[in-house]
């Protein structure tokens, strides 16, 4: 997936830079084109833009509060000028039938067809997505799923939560205790958005080695430690919950999200259905860590299957072997 970011610097440079970093963490830095990042010194700007558009799978038209009204010194709106680079980018993308998604930032609203040059009127017919600073991570997740052609993901509350389990905040040390403690203790808690693995039906996942062994799995930019796991289920339907500590080793701010993780059971991949940021921020400074809880629904018995956790940041995937499988 190659993504082209079209934006007007004076209108949305900060939002676009943040979006660039969020998408680069998912798809890889070389696959995100933002002019200031991707055009080399001395390179012809127009030629570089044309080449990037020609090989892009999607174009994100970042529209901020001044995207439509930005004007030259004489008051002429730039979008109405044939040589305007934003107009040229979007005209080329629409002409080549590239997927074009308007991304609204800074409380901007989608312009109507009547507000746009004739060549850009089809843009008004494209479904827009809205980004808000308060929900940035969720908004990015939704955009990534749309780019990948996935249906929107709904986090479900399992019946154990509806039955009256108390939901409380979990501390950095609490997540490992949550997954490892026996049910019924006074420390019972629940991961927000995931079932609380504290009842008798939940049993420990047999993770190979010790937490210190798991921390050795790294790709040079992140290190990961699977601190604990729980599972329950039968008859072809099981749930597995893992507690993971991720540490940013890259030297740059990075994000941590559910889109990274897959559980592999006997060679079959399963995507997460719940993800909880338990401690730390989703965007981590270099050298900092956060704790997450990730839940999977699987069709292989985790008690007897070979289990591994794949972590794919869009650069060099990491595989953490959890268990080799054993007779039930």
Protein backbone atom coordinates (compact mmCIF):
# COMPACT_ATOMS: atom_id res chain seq x y z
CA UNK A 1 0.00 0.00 0.00
CA UNK A 2 1.56 3.28 -1.20
CA UNK A 3 -0.09 6.46 0.08
CA UNK A 4 0.27 10.01 -1.25
CA UNK A 5 -0.47 12.90 1.14
CA UNK A 6 -1.87 15.97 -0.59
CA UNK A 7 -2.08 19.06 1.62
CA UNK A 8 -1.50 22.79 1.77
CA UNK A 9 1.40 23.66 4.07
CA UNK A 10 -0.05 26.83 5.57
CA UNK A 11 -3.35 25.05 6.15
CA UNK A 12 -2.49 21.65 7.63
CA UNK A 13 1.27 21.01 7.81
CA UNK A 14 1.23 19.96 11.47
CA UNK A 15 -1.72 17.57 11.09
CA UNK A 16 -0.25 16.10 7.92
CA UNK A 17 3.11 15.52 9.59
CA UNK A 18 1.38 13.69 12.43
CA UNK A 19 -0.65 11.65 9.95
CA UNK A 20 2.52 10.81 8.02
CA UNK A 21 4.16 9.43 11.17
CA UNK A 22 1.07 7.42 12.12
CA UNK A 23 0.78 5.83 8.67
CA UNK A 24 4.52 5.21 8.38
CA UNK A 25 4.35 3.17 11.59
CA UNK A 26 1.76 0.92 9.94
CA UNK A 27 2.78 0.76 6.26
CA UNK A 28 6.48 1.61 6.42
CA UNK A 29 8.23 4.94 5.88
CA UNK A 30 9.07 4.37 2.17
CA UNK A 31 5.38 3.84 1.34
CA UNK A 32 4.17 7.26 2.54
CA UNK A 33 4.83 10.23 0.22
CA UNK A 34 4.84 13.68 1.77
CA UNK A 35 6.62 16.26 -0.37
CA UNK A 36 8.93 17.73 2.26
CA UNK A 37 9.92 14.22 3.36
CA UNK A 38 10.17 12.44 0.01
CA UNK A 39 11.62 14.94 -2.49
CA UNK A 40 15.43 14.88 -2.46
CA UNK A 41 17.44 18.13 -2.55
CA UNK A 42 17.93 19.20 -6.16
CA UNK A 43 15.21 16.89 -7.50
CA UNK A 44 12.58 18.35 -9.84
CA UNK A 45 9.57 18.87 -7.59
CA UNK A 46 6.91 18.42 -10.28
CA UNK A 47 8.49 15.27 -11.69
CA UNK A 48 8.79 13.76 -8.21
CA UNK A 49 5.12 14.46 -7.50
CA UNK A 50 4.04 12.94 -10.82
CA UNK A 51 6.07 9.77 -10.24
CA UNK A 52 4.72 9.40 -6.72
CA UNK A 53 1.12 9.80 -7.89
CA UNK A 54 1.61 7.28 -10.69
CA UNK A 55 2.62 4.54 -8.27
CA UNK A 56 0.28 5.42 -5.41
CA UNK A 57 -2.59 3.18 -4.32
CA UNK A 58 -4.39 5.95 -2.47
CA UNK A 59 -4.30 9.74 -2.18
CA UNK A 60 -5.31 11.41 1.07
CA UNK A 61 -6.51 14.97 0.50
CA UNK A 62 -5.88 16.62 3.88
CA UNK A 63 -8.35 19.47 4.19
CA UNK A 64 -7.90 21.96 7.02
CA UNK A 65 -9.81 25.13 7.92
CA UNK A 66 -8.04 27.25 5.27
CA UNK A 67 -7.70 24.69 2.48
CA UNK A 68 -10.48 26.26 0.40
CA UNK A 69 -9.86 29.93 1.19
CA UNK A 70 -6.04 30.17 1.01
CA UNK A 71 -5.27 33.02 -1.39
CA UNK A 72 -2.41 34.93 -2.99
CA UNK A 73 -1.50 38.49 -2.03
CA UNK A 74 -4.01 39.82 -4.56
CA UNK A 75 -6.82 37.82 -2.93
CA UNK A 76 -7.16 35.19 -5.68
CA UNK A 77 -7.98 31.78 -4.16
CA UNK A 78 -5.10 29.43 -4.92
CA UNK A 79 -7.39 26.50 -5.62
CA UNK A 80 -8.85 28.46 -8.56
CA UNK A 81 -5.43 28.90 -10.20
CA UNK A 82 -4.45 26.28 -12.84
CA UNK A 83 -0.84 26.16 -11.59
CA UNK A 84 -1.79 25.53 -7.95
CA UNK A 85 0.04 22.38 -6.82
CA UNK A 86 -2.82 21.06 -4.64
CA UNK A 87 -5.24 21.44 -7.52
CA UNK A 88 -2.78 19.73 -9.90
CA UNK A 89 -2.20 16.80 -7.51
CA UNK A 90 -5.88 16.08 -7.02
CA UNK A 91 -6.73 16.54 -10.71
CA UNK A 92 -4.08 13.95 -11.60
CA UNK A 93 -5.29 11.53 -8.92
CA UNK A 94 -8.94 11.82 -10.02
CA UNK A 95 -7.99 11.47 -13.69
CA UNK A 96 -6.08 8.24 -12.98
CA UNK A 97 -8.96 6.87 -10.87
CA UNK A 98 -6.72 6.48 -7.83
CA UNK A 99 -8.57 6.04 -4.55
CA UNK A 100 -8.94 9.58 -3.17
CA UNK A 101 -10.06 10.07 0.44
CA UNK A 102 -10.69 13.55 1.86
CA UNK A 103 -9.31 13.79 5.41
CA UNK A 104 -10.85 16.63 7.42
CA UNK A 105 -8.69 18.15 10.19
CA UNK A 106 -8.91 21.21 12.42
CA UNK A 107 -12.73 21.12 12.48
CA UNK A 108 -12.85 21.65 8.69
CA UNK A 109 -15.98 20.72 6.77
CA UNK A 110 -16.23 19.08 3.37
CA UNK A 111 -16.61 21.65 0.56
CA UNK A 112 -19.53 21.22 -1.81
CA UNK A 113 -19.07 20.70 -5.55
CA UNK A 114 -20.14 24.31 -6.18
CA UNK A 115 -17.20 25.55 -4.10
CA UNK A 116 -14.62 23.64 -6.14
CA UNK A 117 -13.11 24.14 -9.61
CA UNK A 118 -14.94 22.05 -12.21
CA UNK A 119 -12.04 19.60 -12.46
CA UNK A 120 -12.25 18.90 -8.73
CA UNK A 121 -16.02 18.57 -8.40
CA UNK A 122 -15.79 14.74 -8.19
CA UNK A 123 -13.90 15.21 -4.92
CA UNK A 124 -17.13 16.37 -3.28
CA UNK A 125 -18.64 12.94 -4.02
CA UNK A 126 -15.91 11.07 -2.13
CA UNK A 127 -16.66 9.89 1.39
CA UNK A 128 -14.59 11.95 3.81
CA UNK A 129 -13.09 10.92 7.15
CA UNK A 130 -12.78 13.33 10.07
CA UNK A 131 -9.79 13.46 12.40
CA UNK A 132 -9.95 14.94 15.87
CA UNK A 133 -7.02 15.45 18.24
CA UNK A 134 -8.93 13.79 21.08
CA UNK A 135 -9.61 10.61 19.06
CA UNK A 136 -6.56 10.62 16.79
CA UNK A 137 -5.53 7.01 17.38
CA UNK A 138 -9.03 5.64 16.79
CA UNK A 139 -9.38 7.83 13.69
CA UNK A 140 -6.09 6.50 12.29
CA UNK A 141 -7.18 2.92 12.98
CA UNK A 142 -10.43 3.51 11.08
CA UNK A 143 -8.60 5.05 8.13
CA UNK A 144 -6.11 2.17 7.99
CA UNK A 145 -8.96 -0.36 7.88
CA UNK A 146 -10.63 1.62 5.09
CA UNK A 147 -7.39 1.70 3.09
CA UNK A 148 -7.04 -2.04 3.53
CA UNK A 149 -10.64 -2.64 2.48
CA UNK A 150 -11.63 -3.98 5.90
CA UNK A 151 -15.00 -3.49 7.53
CA UNK A 152 -15.16 -1.18 10.56
CA UNK A 153 -14.17 -2.94 13.74
CA UNK A 154 -16.51 -2.95 16.72
CA UNK A 155 -15.11 -3.81 20.12
CA UNK A 156 -17.52 -6.21 21.78
CA UNK A 157 -18.17 -6.59 25.48
CA UNK A 158 -18.38 -10.25 26.40
CA UNK A 159 -21.14 -11.66 28.59
CA UNK A 160 -18.81 -11.83 31.59
CA UNK A 161 -18.68 -8.04 31.65
CA UNK A 162 -22.43 -7.70 31.30
CA UNK A 163 -22.82 -10.13 34.20
CA UNK A 164 -21.47 -7.50 36.56
CA UNK A 165 -17.68 -7.68 36.67
CA UNK A 166 -16.27 -4.41 37.92
CA UNK A 167 -14.20 -2.48 35.37
CA UNK A 168 -11.34 -0.48 36.84
CA UNK A 169 -8.16 1.10 35.57
CA UNK A 170 -5.20 -1.27 35.36
CA UNK A 171 -1.74 -0.08 36.34
CA UNK A 172 1.51 -0.95 34.61
CA UNK A 173 2.22 -3.75 37.07
CA UNK A 174 -1.44 -4.71 37.31
CA UNK A 175 -1.79 -6.19 33.84
CA UNK A 176 0.61 -9.07 34.47
CA UNK A 177 -0.98 -9.70 37.87
CA UNK A 178 -4.41 -9.66 36.26
CA UNK A 179 -3.53 -12.43 33.84
CA UNK A 180 -1.56 -14.54 36.26
CA UNK A 181 -3.60 -14.36 39.48
CA UNK A 182 -6.21 -16.98 40.30
CA UNK A 183 -9.84 -15.93 39.95
CA UNK A 184 -11.74 -14.64 42.94
CA UNK A 185 -8.96 -12.67 44.59
CA UNK A 186 -9.50 -9.22 46.00
CA UNK A 187 -7.27 -7.89 43.20
CA UNK A 188 -9.73 -8.91 40.45
CA UNK A 189 -9.82 -6.32 37.70
CA UNK A 190 -10.77 -6.15 34.04
CA UNK A 191 -9.00 -4.95 30.95
CA UNK A 192 -11.10 -2.18 29.45
CA UNK A 193 -12.83 -3.58 26.37
CA UNK A 194 -11.72 -7.19 27.01
CA UNK A 195 -13.12 -9.86 29.29
CA UNK A 196 -11.64 -10.19 32.76
CA UNK A 197 -9.67 -13.45 32.80
CA UNK A 198 -10.22 -13.99 36.52
CA UNK A 199 -12.88 -16.70 36.65
CA UNK A 200 -12.19 -20.42 36.95
CA UNK A 201 -12.75 -21.09 33.24
CA UNK A 202 -9.63 -19.10 32.35
CA UNK A 203 -6.35 -21.02 32.52
CA UNK A 204 -2.78 -19.95 31.99
CA UNK A 205 -1.24 -20.05 28.53
CA UNK A 206 1.97 -22.06 28.67
CA UNK A 207 4.42 -19.42 27.41
CA UNK A 208 7.82 -20.84 26.50
CA UNK A 209 10.67 -19.63 28.66
CA UNK A 210 10.48 -16.71 31.06
CA UNK A 211 9.48 -13.08 30.51
CA UNK A 212 13.18 -12.24 30.30
CA UNK A 213 13.51 -14.66 27.36
CA UNK A 214 10.67 -12.95 25.52
CA UNK A 215 12.29 -9.53 25.87
CA UNK A 216 15.12 -10.72 23.62
CA UNK A 217 12.79 -10.74 20.60
CA UNK A 218 13.42 -7.44 18.83
CA UNK A 219 14.05 -5.88 15.42
CA UNK A 220 16.30 -3.01 16.45
CA UNK A 221 13.51 -0.44 16.64
CA UNK A 222 11.28 -2.13 19.25
CA UNK A 223 11.64 -4.80 21.87
CA UNK A 224 8.71 -6.87 23.11
CA UNK A 225 8.04 -8.87 26.23
CA UNK A 226 5.03 -11.20 26.52
CA UNK A 227 4.56 -11.14 30.27
CA UNK A 228 1.52 -13.40 30.65
CA UNK A 229 -1.35 -15.13 28.89
CA UNK A 230 -4.76 -16.64 29.64
CA UNK A 231 -7.13 -18.79 27.56
CA UNK A 232 -10.61 -20.29 27.71
CA UNK A 233 -13.02 -22.11 25.38
CA UNK A 234 -13.76 -25.45 23.76
CA UNK A 235 -15.27 -27.10 20.64
CA UNK A 236 -13.36 -25.06 18.10
CA UNK A 237 -13.79 -21.63 19.71
CA UNK A 238 -11.19 -20.30 22.12
CA UNK A 239 -10.18 -16.89 23.42
CA UNK A 240 -6.58 -15.98 24.19
CA UNK A 241 -5.51 -12.86 26.09
CA UNK A 242 -1.88 -11.74 26.16
CA UNK A 243 -0.12 -9.07 28.25
CA UNK A 244 2.70 -7.42 26.30
CA UNK A 245 5.26 -4.77 27.17
CA UNK A 246 6.64 -2.85 24.17
CA UNK A 247 9.72 -0.62 24.38
CA UNK A 248 10.65 1.92 21.73
CA UNK A 249 14.33 1.44 20.79
CA UNK A 250 14.23 3.38 17.52
CA UNK A 251 15.44 6.82 18.58
CA UNK A 252 12.23 8.41 17.23
CA UNK A 253 8.66 8.72 18.57
CA UNK A 254 6.60 5.66 17.59
CA UNK A 255 3.04 4.42 18.05
CA UNK A 256 1.80 1.08 19.37
CA UNK A 257 -1.58 -0.29 18.24
CA UNK A 258 -3.62 -3.43 17.65
CA UNK A 259 -2.78 -3.39 13.92
CA UNK A 260 0.66 -4.75 14.79
CA UNK A 261 -0.31 -8.03 16.37
CA UNK A 262 -1.35 -11.46 15.07
CA UNK A 263 -1.55 -14.71 16.99
CA UNK A 264 -0.36 -17.74 15.01
CA UNK A 265 -1.78 -21.10 16.14
CA UNK A 266 -0.48 -24.16 14.26
CA UNK A 267 0.45 -21.87 11.36
CA UNK A 268 -2.98 -20.18 11.13
CA UNK A 269 -3.06 -16.40 11.67
CA UNK A 270 -5.68 -14.70 13.84
CA UNK A 271 -6.20 -10.94 14.12
CA UNK A 272 -6.92 -9.28 17.48
CA UNK A 273 -10.49 -8.42 18.41
CA UNK A 274 -9.62 -6.27 21.41
CA UNK A 275 -6.68 -4.06 22.29
CA UNK A 276 -6.16 -2.12 25.49
CA UNK A 277 -3.52 0.46 26.23
CA UNK A 278 -2.92 -0.27 29.89
CA UNK A 279 0.05 1.87 30.85
CA UNK A 280 1.96 4.58 28.99
CA UNK A 281 0.97 6.49 25.86
CA UNK A 282 0.16 5.01 22.44
CA UNK A 283 2.84 7.33 21.00
CA UNK A 284 6.10 6.58 22.77
CA UNK A 285 9.25 8.62 23.00
CA UNK A 286 12.52 6.80 22.40
CA UNK A 287 13.45 4.55 25.31
CA UNK A 288 9.97 4.52 26.85
CA UNK A 289 7.61 1.56 27.22
CA UNK A 290 3.92 0.81 27.43
CA UNK A 291 1.88 -2.19 28.51
CA UNK A 292 -0.96 -3.48 26.35
CA UNK A 293 -3.52 -6.24 26.51
CA UNK A 294 -4.40 -7.98 23.24
CA UNK A 295 -7.23 -10.49 22.81
CA UNK A 296 -7.67 -13.08 20.03
CA UNK A 297 -10.44 -15.48 19.01
CA UNK A 298 -8.93 -18.69 17.61
CA UNK A 299 -10.14 -21.99 16.18
CA UNK A 300 -7.16 -23.99 17.47
CA UNK A 301 -6.91 -25.29 21.01
CA UNK A 302 -4.21 -23.09 22.58
CA UNK A 303 -3.46 -25.84 25.13
CA UNK A 304 -2.17 -28.21 22.46
CA UNK A 305 -1.26 -25.92 19.55
CA UNK A 306 2.04 -24.37 18.61
CA UNK A 307 1.61 -20.68 19.42
CA UNK A 308 3.54 -17.62 18.25
CA UNK A 309 2.93 -13.89 18.31
CA UNK A 310 3.74 -11.97 15.12
CA UNK A 311 4.42 -8.25 15.49
CA UNK A 312 4.54 -6.39 12.17
CA UNK A 313 5.38 -2.68 12.20
CA UNK A 314 5.67 -2.51 8.40
CA UNK A 315 9.46 -2.83 8.45
CA UNK A 316 10.98 -6.01 9.87
CA UNK A 317 8.39 -8.35 11.45
CA UNK A 318 9.12 -9.97 14.79
CA UNK A 319 7.98 -13.46 15.75
CA UNK A 320 7.85 -14.44 19.41
CA UNK A 321 7.48 -18.17 19.96
CA UNK A 322 5.05 -18.75 22.82
CA UNK A 323 4.71 -22.55 22.96
CA UNK A 324 5.51 -25.63 20.90
CA UNK A 325 2.24 -27.42 21.67
CA UNK A 326 1.70 -30.30 24.04
CA UNK A 327 -0.77 -33.16 24.51
CA UNK A 328 -3.95 -32.11 26.26
